[in-house]
């Protein structure tokens, strides 16, 4: 099925998270005895038209009112892109700030190795625009930058043992899977408990990710995403390299080891 990159596909917040959890369990049955504590800024999926992956990720971060065409027009006018490619975290940050009218902050991707840092940023209303190598299943890979792509990190899932007492954490239980618990938006009040679960190694933190080659949410290992981002060294483009905007120092200087934090409104 072919869809325009500016097409927004309606998707229920609870359904999207439930399906992401079900897929993770299908491919990793050992997770079936875990509780999934989920926190997410809901976004509607959009599909790209090559090579607009970064621009589509930014448009998804901005919400349904932000069109990919508008993002691309501004990116071209500012000299950040020629065909939709975005090989610079700096340019993405400037573009995000201009398009969204909100703060955009560049950060080291190494910060994602700290689970509590991830929780703090996402519950404070930030989303993460992260360049990475895209595997055939859209998850992070280590391909030297040859499949460079952009992901939008919209939330987290904390995996805890089913035997763990989490009755003091305010959640809504999914109708489809009693092990899927949605944090009610009062995560600020639950931070101390979440911090304890992370600190005593009772839980593993996964990232909730959107990217523009698929309509579904992904649950990713954050260390794998960091490794993927840190391996962005070369560029693989269709056509002449002169047809694209490549930053001084190449893709490694433009993308490796860095990401952009952008703000979003209400969360689920």
C-alpha atoms as a PDB file:
ATOM      1  CA  UNK A   1       0.000   0.000   0.000  1.00  0.00           C
ATOM      2  CA  UNK A   2       1.406   3.384  -0.988  1.00  0.00           C
ATOM      3  CA  UNK A   3       0.684   6.355   1.234  1.00  0.00           C
ATOM      4  CA  UNK A   4       1.730   9.980   0.868  1.00  0.00           C
ATOM      5  CA  UNK A   5       4.294  11.113   3.403  1.00  0.00           C
ATOM      6  CA  UNK A   6       1.890  13.856   4.449  1.00  0.00           C
ATOM      7  CA  UNK A   7      -0.847  11.333   5.235  1.00  0.00           C
ATOM      8  CA  UNK A   8      -1.590  10.795   8.906  1.00  0.00           C
ATOM      9  CA  UNK A   9      -2.885   7.364   9.860  1.00  0.00           C
ATOM     10  CA  UNK A  10      -5.319   7.313  12.769  1.00  0.00           C
ATOM     11  CA  UNK A  11      -4.059   5.126  15.588  1.00  0.00           C
ATOM     12  CA  UNK A  12      -5.391   4.707  19.133  1.00  0.00           C
ATOM     13  CA  UNK A  13      -2.778   5.423  21.833  1.00  0.00           C
ATOM     14  CA  UNK A  14      -3.655   2.333  23.862  1.00  0.00           C
ATOM     15  CA  UNK A  15      -3.904   0.109  20.808  1.00  0.00           C
ATOM     16  CA  UNK A  16      -0.501   1.227  19.496  1.00  0.00           C
ATOM     17  CA  UNK A  17       1.234   0.468  22.796  1.00  0.00           C
ATOM     18  CA  UNK A  18      -0.591  -2.830  23.244  1.00  0.00           C
ATOM     19  CA  UNK A  19       0.439  -3.971  19.762  1.00  0.00           C
ATOM     20  CA  UNK A  20       4.055  -2.944  20.383  1.00  0.00           C
ATOM     21  CA  UNK A  21       4.150  -5.011  23.566  1.00  0.00           C
ATOM     22  CA  UNK A  22       2.507  -7.996  21.858  1.00  0.00           C
ATOM     23  CA  UNK A  23       5.122  -7.910  19.086  1.00  0.00           C
ATOM     24  CA  UNK A  24       7.960  -7.766  21.611  1.00  0.00           C
ATOM     25  CA  UNK A  25       6.595 -10.782  23.468  1.00  0.00           C
ATOM     26  CA  UNK A  26       6.109 -12.686  20.209  1.00  0.00           C
ATOM     27  CA  UNK A  27       9.786 -12.306  19.301  1.00  0.00           C
ATOM     28  CA  UNK A  28      11.017 -12.668  22.880  1.00  0.00           C
ATOM     29  CA  UNK A  29       8.729 -15.073  24.778  1.00  0.00           C
ATOM     30  CA  UNK A  30      10.773 -14.663  27.974  1.00  0.00           C
ATOM     31  CA  UNK A  31       9.064 -11.290  28.389  1.00  0.00           C
ATOM     32  CA  UNK A  32       5.637 -12.896  28.772  1.00  0.00           C
ATOM     33  CA  UNK A  33       6.003 -12.994  32.573  1.00  0.00           C
ATOM     34  CA  UNK A  34       6.914  -9.307  32.842  1.00  0.00           C
ATOM     35  CA  UNK A  35       4.822  -6.264  33.719  1.00  0.00           C
ATOM     36  CA  UNK A  36       5.122  -3.480  31.130  1.00  0.00           C
ATOM     37  CA  UNK A  37       4.893  -0.031  32.731  1.00  0.00           C
ATOM     38  CA  UNK A  38       4.305   2.273  29.758  1.00  0.00           C
ATOM     39  CA  UNK A  39       4.658   6.034  29.392  1.00  0.00           C
ATOM     40  CA  UNK A  40       4.302   7.631  25.971  1.00  0.00           C
ATOM     41  CA  UNK A  41       3.658  10.875  24.096  1.00  0.00           C
ATOM     42  CA  UNK A  42       1.147   9.683  21.514  1.00  0.00           C
ATOM     43  CA  UNK A  43       1.996  10.414  17.858  1.00  0.00           C
ATOM     44  CA  UNK A  44       0.242   9.471  14.644  1.00  0.00           C
ATOM     45  CA  UNK A  45       2.409   7.435  12.249  1.00  0.00           C
ATOM     46  CA  UNK A  46       3.458   8.790   8.857  1.00  0.00           C
ATOM     47  CA  UNK A  47       5.295   7.147   6.007  1.00  0.00           C
ATOM     48  CA  UNK A  48       8.188   8.788   4.193  1.00  0.00           C
ATOM     49  CA  UNK A  49       9.099   9.353   0.595  1.00  0.00           C
ATOM     50  CA  UNK A  50      12.869   8.817   0.335  1.00  0.00           C
ATOM     51  CA  UNK A  51      14.979  10.501   1.583  1.00  0.00           C
ATOM     52  CA  UNK A  52      12.715  12.497   3.913  1.00  0.00           C
ATOM     53  CA  UNK A  53      13.103  10.305   7.003  1.00  0.00           C
ATOM     54  CA  UNK A  54      14.409  13.052   9.285  1.00  0.00           C
ATOM     55  CA  UNK A  55      11.822  15.554   8.121  1.00  0.00           C
ATOM     56  CA  UNK A  56       8.988  13.073   8.649  1.00  0.00           C
ATOM     57  CA  UNK A  57      10.264  12.286  12.159  1.00  0.00           C
ATOM     58  CA  UNK A  58      10.258  16.010  12.937  1.00  0.00           C
ATOM     59  CA  UNK A  59       6.745  16.423  11.540  1.00  0.00           C
ATOM     60  CA  UNK A  60       5.524  13.538  13.715  1.00  0.00           C
ATOM     61  CA  UNK A  61       7.068  15.246  16.735  1.00  0.00           C
ATOM     62  CA  UNK A  62       5.140  18.400  15.913  1.00  0.00           C
ATOM     63  CA  UNK A  63       1.768  16.684  15.676  1.00  0.00           C
ATOM     64  CA  UNK A  64      -0.912  16.487  13.022  1.00  0.00           C
ATOM     65  CA  UNK A  65      -0.824  20.232  12.374  1.00  0.00           C
ATOM     66  CA  UNK A  66       2.737  20.076  11.010  1.00  0.00           C
ATOM     67  CA  UNK A  67       2.976  18.996   7.366  1.00  0.00           C
ATOM     68  CA  UNK A  68       6.032  17.313   5.886  1.00  0.00           C
ATOM     69  CA  UNK A  69       5.808  19.636   2.884  1.00  0.00           C
ATOM     70  CA  UNK A  70       6.082  22.679   5.141  1.00  0.00           C
ATOM     71  CA  UNK A  71       9.060  21.172   6.954  1.00  0.00           C
ATOM     72  CA  UNK A  72      10.826  20.344   3.697  1.00  0.00           C
ATOM     73  CA  UNK A  73      10.178  23.766   2.182  1.00  0.00           C
ATOM     74  CA  UNK A  74      11.761  25.460   5.185  1.00  0.00           C
ATOM     75  CA  UNK A  75      14.690  23.018   5.258  1.00  0.00           C
ATOM     76  CA  UNK A  76      15.424  23.705   1.566  1.00  0.00           C
ATOM     77  CA  UNK A  77      15.073  27.470   1.995  1.00  0.00           C
ATOM     78  CA  UNK A  78      17.609  27.405   4.840  1.00  0.00           C
ATOM     79  CA  UNK A  79      20.067  25.279   2.849  1.00  0.00           C
ATOM     80  CA  UNK A  80      19.807  22.300   5.197  1.00  0.00           C
ATOM     81  CA  UNK A  81      18.711  19.861   2.487  1.00  0.00           C
ATOM     82  CA  UNK A  82      18.282  19.459  -1.252  1.00  0.00           C
ATOM     83  CA  UNK A  83      16.025  16.419  -1.513  1.00  0.00           C
ATOM     84  CA  UNK A  84      14.836  15.888   2.057  1.00  0.00           C
ATOM     85  CA  UNK A  85      18.029  14.364   3.481  1.00  0.00           C
ATOM     86  CA  UNK A  86      19.189  15.559   6.907  1.00  0.00           C
ATOM     87  CA  UNK A  87      22.781  14.657   7.768  1.00  0.00           C
ATOM     88  CA  UNK A  88      23.314  17.287  10.465  1.00  0.00           C
ATOM     89  CA  UNK A  89      22.087  17.268  14.054  1.00  0.00           C
ATOM     90  CA  UNK A  90      22.836  20.995  14.242  1.00  0.00           C
ATOM     91  CA  UNK A  91      20.631  21.728  11.236  1.00  0.00           C
ATOM     92  CA  UNK A  92      17.895  19.484  12.603  1.00  0.00           C
ATOM     93  CA  UNK A  93      17.970  21.388  15.877  1.00  0.00           C
ATOM     94  CA  UNK A  94      17.654  24.768  14.132  1.00  0.00           C
ATOM     95  CA  UNK A  95      14.862  23.443  11.920  1.00  0.00           C
ATOM     96  CA  UNK A  96      12.958  21.902  14.838  1.00  0.00           C
ATOM     97  CA  UNK A  97      13.087  25.155  16.777  1.00  0.00           C
ATOM     98  CA  UNK A  98      11.839  27.111  13.752  1.00  0.00           C
ATOM     99  CA  UNK A  99       9.060  24.676  12.829  1.00  0.00           C
ATOM    100  CA  UNK A 100       7.751  23.889  16.311  1.00  0.00           C
ATOM    101  CA  UNK A 101       8.328  27.292  17.857  1.00  0.00           C
ATOM    102  CA  UNK A 102       9.686  25.521  20.933  1.00  0.00           C
ATOM    103  CA  UNK A 103      13.047  24.792  22.443  1.00  0.00           C
ATOM    104  CA  UNK A 104      15.265  22.258  20.683  1.00  0.00           C
ATOM    105  CA  UNK A 105      18.358  21.068  22.526  1.00  0.00           C
ATOM    106  CA  UNK A 106      21.317  19.046  21.234  1.00  0.00           C
ATOM    107  CA  UNK A 107      22.455  16.268  23.558  1.00  0.00           C
ATOM    108  CA  UNK A 108      24.940  13.426  23.534  1.00  0.00           C
ATOM    109  CA  UNK A 109      23.249  10.095  22.805  1.00  0.00           C
ATOM    110  CA  UNK A 110      25.396   8.579  25.558  1.00  0.00           C
ATOM    111  CA  UNK A 111      22.949  10.188  27.999  1.00  0.00           C
ATOM    112  CA  UNK A 112      20.410   7.513  27.038  1.00  0.00           C
ATOM    113  CA  UNK A 113      22.527   4.882  28.792  1.00  0.00           C
ATOM    114  CA  UNK A 114      21.255   6.425  32.035  1.00  0.00           C
ATOM    115  CA  UNK A 115      17.725   5.037  32.443  1.00  0.00           C
ATOM    116  CA  UNK A 116      16.747   7.679  34.958  1.00  0.00           C
ATOM    117  CA  UNK A 117      17.865  10.457  32.599  1.00  0.00           C
ATOM    118  CA  UNK A 118      15.540   9.001  29.942  1.00  0.00           C
ATOM    119  CA  UNK A 119      12.600   8.924  32.368  1.00  0.00           C
ATOM    120  CA  UNK A 120      13.290  12.497  33.507  1.00  0.00           C
ATOM    121  CA  UNK A 121      13.391  13.894  29.959  1.00  0.00           C
ATOM    122  CA  UNK A 122      10.325  12.071  28.648  1.00  0.00           C
ATOM    123  CA  UNK A 123       8.137  12.780  31.674  1.00  0.00           C
ATOM    124  CA  UNK A 124       9.181  16.446  31.453  1.00  0.00           C
ATOM    125  CA  UNK A 125       7.656  16.638  27.970  1.00  0.00           C
ATOM    126  CA  UNK A 126      10.695  16.100  25.762  1.00  0.00           C
ATOM    127  CA  UNK A 127      10.903  13.770  22.766  1.00  0.00           C
ATOM    128  CA  UNK A 128      14.187  12.594  21.257  1.00  0.00           C
ATOM    129  CA  UNK A 129      15.090  12.857  17.561  1.00  0.00           C
ATOM    130  CA  UNK A 130      17.869  10.314  17.107  1.00  0.00           C
ATOM    131  CA  UNK A 131      19.822   9.430  13.944  1.00  0.00           C
ATOM    132  CA  UNK A 132      20.689   5.733  13.678  1.00  0.00           C
ATOM    133  CA  UNK A 133      21.336   2.845  11.266  1.00  0.00           C
ATOM    134  CA  UNK A 134      18.073   1.148  10.303  1.00  0.00           C
ATOM    135  CA  UNK A 135      17.934  -2.670  10.100  1.00  0.00           C
ATOM    136  CA  UNK A 136      15.473  -4.575   7.905  1.00  0.00           C
ATOM    137  CA  UNK A 137      13.070  -4.755  10.863  1.00  0.00           C
ATOM    138  CA  UNK A 138      13.525  -0.993  11.460  1.00  0.00           C
ATOM    139  CA  UNK A 139      15.347  -1.554  14.757  1.00  0.00           C
ATOM    140  CA  UNK A 140      18.798  -0.061  15.428  1.00  0.00           C
ATOM    141  CA  UNK A 141      21.701  -1.752  13.623  1.00  0.00           C
ATOM    142  CA  UNK A 142      25.438  -1.227  13.252  1.00  0.00           C
ATOM    143  CA  UNK A 143      26.032  -0.737   9.521  1.00  0.00           C
ATOM    144  CA  UNK A 144      28.607   2.026   9.510  1.00  0.00           C
ATOM    145  CA  UNK A 145      26.026   4.650   8.582  1.00  0.00           C
ATOM    146  CA  UNK A 146      25.067   3.032   5.272  1.00  0.00           C
ATOM    147  CA  UNK A 147      21.420   2.857   6.324  1.00  0.00           C
ATOM    148  CA  UNK A 148      21.278   6.141   8.213  1.00  0.00           C
ATOM    149  CA  UNK A 149      17.757   7.017   9.322  1.00  0.00           C
ATOM    150  CA  UNK A 150      16.026   9.101  12.009  1.00  0.00           C
ATOM    151  CA  UNK A 151      13.840   7.871  14.872  1.00  0.00           C
ATOM    152  CA  UNK A 152      11.542   9.769  17.199  1.00  0.00           C
ATOM    153  CA  UNK A 153      11.661   8.468  20.778  1.00  0.00           C
ATOM    154  CA  UNK A 154       8.277   9.222  22.320  1.00  0.00           C
ATOM    155  CA  UNK A 155       8.204   7.213  25.528  1.00  0.00           C
ATOM    156  CA  UNK A 156       9.558   4.392  27.629  1.00  0.00           C
ATOM    157  CA  UNK A 157       8.501   0.967  28.877  1.00  0.00           C
ATOM    158  CA  UNK A 158       9.827  -0.262  32.196  1.00  0.00           C
ATOM    159  CA  UNK A 159       9.868  -4.060  32.423  1.00  0.00           C
ATOM    160  CA  UNK A 160       9.451  -5.438  35.928  1.00  0.00           C
ATOM    161  CA  UNK A 161       8.870  -8.941  37.252  1.00  0.00           C
ATOM    162  CA  UNK A 162       5.229  -9.909  37.636  1.00  0.00           C
ATOM    163  CA  UNK A 163       5.967 -10.692  41.300  1.00  0.00           C
ATOM    164  CA  UNK A 164       7.013  -7.077  41.962  1.00  0.00           C
ATOM    165  CA  UNK A 165       4.520  -5.096  44.061  1.00  0.00           C
ATOM    166  CA  UNK A 166       3.671  -1.983  42.024  1.00  0.00           C
ATOM    167  CA  UNK A 167       0.259  -1.255  43.525  1.00  0.00           C
ATOM    168  CA  UNK A 168       1.551   2.139  44.629  1.00  0.00           C
ATOM    169  CA  UNK A 169       2.158   3.224  41.006  1.00  0.00           C
ATOM    170  CA  UNK A 170      -0.874   4.870  39.389  1.00  0.00           C
ATOM    171  CA  UNK A 171      -1.683   2.971  36.189  1.00  0.00           C
ATOM    172  CA  UNK A 172      -4.506   1.897  33.911  1.00  0.00           C
ATOM    173  CA  UNK A 173      -4.477  -1.772  32.930  1.00  0.00           C
ATOM    174  CA  UNK A 174      -4.879  -2.580  29.240  1.00  0.00           C
ATOM    175  CA  UNK A 175      -8.025  -4.549  28.371  1.00  0.00           C
ATOM    176  CA  UNK A 176      -6.048  -6.673  25.921  1.00  0.00           C
ATOM    177  CA  UNK A 177      -3.198  -7.676  28.230  1.00  0.00           C
ATOM    178  CA  UNK A 178      -3.303  -7.435  32.030  1.00  0.00           C
ATOM    179  CA  UNK A 179       0.495  -7.151  32.082  1.00  0.00           C
ATOM    180  CA  UNK A 180       0.378  -3.847  30.156  1.00  0.00           C
ATOM    181  CA  UNK A 181      -0.006  -0.963  32.587  1.00  0.00           C
ATOM    182  CA  UNK A 182      -0.267   2.581  31.263  1.00  0.00           C
ATOM    183  CA  UNK A 183       1.100   5.272  33.543  1.00  0.00           C
ATOM    184  CA  UNK A 184      -1.787   7.698  33.918  1.00  0.00           C
ATOM    185  CA  UNK A 185       0.080  10.900  33.217  1.00  0.00           C
ATOM    186  CA  UNK A 186       0.894  11.413  36.885  1.00  0.00           C
ATOM    187  CA  UNK A 187       4.387  10.013  36.370  1.00  0.00           C
ATOM    188  CA  UNK A 188       5.786  13.061  38.150  1.00  0.00           C
ATOM    189  CA  UNK A 189       4.175  11.748  41.342  1.00  0.00           C
ATOM    190  CA  UNK A 190       5.429   8.230  40.660  1.00  0.00           C
ATOM    191  CA  UNK A 191       9.038   9.208  39.990  1.00  0.00           C
ATOM    192  CA  UNK A 192      10.395   8.128  43.344  1.00  0.00           C
ATOM    193  CA  UNK A 193       8.933   4.638  42.922  1.00  0.00           C
ATOM    194  CA  UNK A 194      10.111   4.363  39.308  1.00  0.00           C
ATOM    195  CA  UNK A 195      13.566   5.474  40.367  1.00  0.00           C
ATOM    196  CA  UNK A 196      13.613   2.726  42.984  1.00  0.00           C
ATOM    197  CA  UNK A 197      12.560   0.079  40.452  1.00  0.00           C
ATOM    198  CA  UNK A 198      15.332   1.187  38.098  1.00  0.00           C
ATOM    199  CA  UNK A 199      17.942   1.627  40.816  1.00  0.00           C
ATOM    200  CA  UNK A 200      17.510  -1.803  42.385  1.00  0.00           C
ATOM    201  CA  UNK A 201      17.752  -3.416  38.944  1.00  0.00           C
ATOM    202  CA  UNK A 202      14.209  -4.741  39.285  1.00  0.00           C
ATOM    203  CA  UNK A 203      13.359  -3.291  35.892  1.00  0.00           C
ATOM    204  CA  UNK A 204      14.774  -2.886  32.396  1.00  0.00           C
ATOM    205  CA  UNK A 205      13.967   0.259  30.448  1.00  0.00           C
ATOM    206  CA  UNK A 206      13.046   0.093  26.764  1.00  0.00           C
ATOM    207  CA  UNK A 207      12.436   3.027  24.424  1.00  0.00           C
ATOM    208  CA  UNK A 208       9.172   3.614  22.553  1.00  0.00           C
ATOM    209  CA  UNK A 209      10.145   4.593  19.015  1.00  0.00           C
ATOM    210  CA  UNK A 210       8.502   5.900  15.862  1.00  0.00           C
ATOM    211  CA  UNK A 211      10.185   5.952  12.467  1.00  0.00           C
ATOM    212  CA  UNK A 212       8.841   6.615   9.005  1.00  0.00           C
ATOM    213  CA  UNK A 213       9.313   3.237   7.295  1.00  0.00           C
ATOM    214  CA  UNK A 214       6.573   1.553   9.325  1.00  0.00           C
ATOM    215  CA  UNK A 215       3.171   2.375  10.804  1.00  0.00           C
ATOM    216  CA  UNK A 216       3.845   0.648  14.122  1.00  0.00           C
ATOM    217  CA  UNK A 217       5.618   1.581  17.329  1.00  0.00           C
ATOM    218  CA  UNK A 218       8.864  -0.141  18.225  1.00  0.00           C
ATOM    219  CA  UNK A 219      10.201  -1.102  21.650  1.00  0.00           C
ATOM    220  CA  UNK A 220      13.970  -0.744  21.441  1.00  0.00           C
ATOM    221  CA  UNK A 221      16.949  -1.475  23.637  1.00  0.00           C
ATOM    222  CA  UNK A 222      18.430   1.935  24.397  1.00  0.00           C
ATOM    223  CA  UNK A 223      22.033   0.704  24.448  1.00  0.00           C
ATOM    224  CA  UNK A 224      21.538  -0.706  20.945  1.00  0.00           C
ATOM    225  CA  UNK A 225      20.268   2.681  19.775  1.00  0.00           C
ATOM    226  CA  UNK A 226      23.289   4.429  21.299  1.00  0.00           C
ATOM    227  CA  UNK A 227      25.672   1.973  19.594  1.00  0.00           C
ATOM    228  CA  UNK A 228      23.855   2.436  16.295  1.00  0.00           C
ATOM    229  CA  UNK A 229      24.109   6.212  16.537  1.00  0.00           C
ATOM    230  CA  UNK A 230      27.804   6.033  17.443  1.00  0.00           C
ATOM    231  CA  UNK A 231      28.613   4.037  14.309  1.00  0.00           C
ATOM    232  CA  UNK A 232      27.370   6.627  11.805  1.00  0.00           C
ATOM    233  CA  UNK A 233      30.627   7.155   9.910  1.00  0.00           C
ATOM    234  CA  UNK A 234      29.831   7.055   6.182  1.00  0.00           C
ATOM    235  CA  UNK A 235      26.927   7.897   3.909  1.00  0.00           C
ATOM    236  CA  UNK A 236      25.152   5.782   1.320  1.00  0.00           C
ATOM    237  CA  UNK A 237      23.054   7.833  -1.086  1.00  0.00           C
ATOM    238  CA  UNK A 238      21.290   7.094  -4.356  1.00  0.00           C
ATOM    239  CA  UNK A 239      22.746   9.412  -6.991  1.00  0.00           C
ATOM    240  CA  UNK A 240      25.656  11.824  -6.913  1.00  0.00           C
ATOM    241  CA  UNK A 241      26.908  12.996  -3.532  1.00  0.00           C
ATOM    242  CA  UNK A 242      26.705  16.580  -4.822  1.00  0.00           C
ATOM    243  CA  UNK A 243      22.927  16.197  -4.945  1.00  0.00           C
ATOM    244  CA  UNK A 244      22.822  16.150  -1.139  1.00  0.00           C
ATOM    245  CA  UNK A 245      23.805  18.513   1.666  1.00  0.00           C
ATOM    246  CA  UNK A 246      26.697  16.883   3.530  1.00  0.00           C
ATOM    247  CA  UNK A 247      28.070  18.809   6.542  1.00  0.00           C
ATOM    248  CA  UNK A 248      31.709  19.766   6.910  1.00  0.00           C
ATOM    249  CA  UNK A 249      33.442  16.706   8.320  1.00  0.00           C
ATOM    250  CA  UNK A 250      30.919  14.358   6.729  1.00  0.00           C
ATOM    251  CA  UNK A 251      28.199  12.254   8.299  1.00  0.00           C
ATOM    252  CA  UNK A 252      30.334  11.382  11.304  1.00  0.00           C
ATOM    253  CA  UNK A 253      30.666  15.037  12.239  1.00  0.00           C
ATOM    254  CA  UNK A 254      27.013  15.700  11.479  1.00  0.00           C
ATOM    255  CA  UNK A 255      25.288  12.786  13.188  1.00  0.00           C
ATOM    256  CA  UNK A 256      27.578  10.564  15.250  1.00  0.00           C
ATOM    257  CA  UNK A 257      27.089  10.630  19.017  1.00  0.00           C
ATOM    258  CA  UNK A 258      24.387  13.307  19.074  1.00  0.00           C
ATOM    259  CA  UNK A 259      20.616  13.777  19.031  1.00  0.00           C
ATOM    260  CA  UNK A 260      18.015  16.550  19.328  1.00  0.00           C
ATOM    261  CA  UNK A 261      15.539  16.974  22.180  1.00  0.00           C
ATOM    262  CA  UNK A 262      12.243  18.640  21.198  1.00  0.00           C
ATOM    263  CA  UNK A 263       9.218  19.509  23.294  1.00  0.00           C
ATOM    264  CA  UNK A 264       5.706  18.183  22.808  1.00  0.00           C
ATOM    265  CA  UNK A 265       2.379  18.912  24.454  1.00  0.00           C
ATOM    266  CA  UNK A 266       0.203  16.522  26.463  1.00  0.00           C
ATOM    267  CA  UNK A 267       1.199  12.897  27.058  1.00  0.00           C
ATOM    268  CA  UNK A 268      -0.670   9.633  27.562  1.00  0.00           C
END
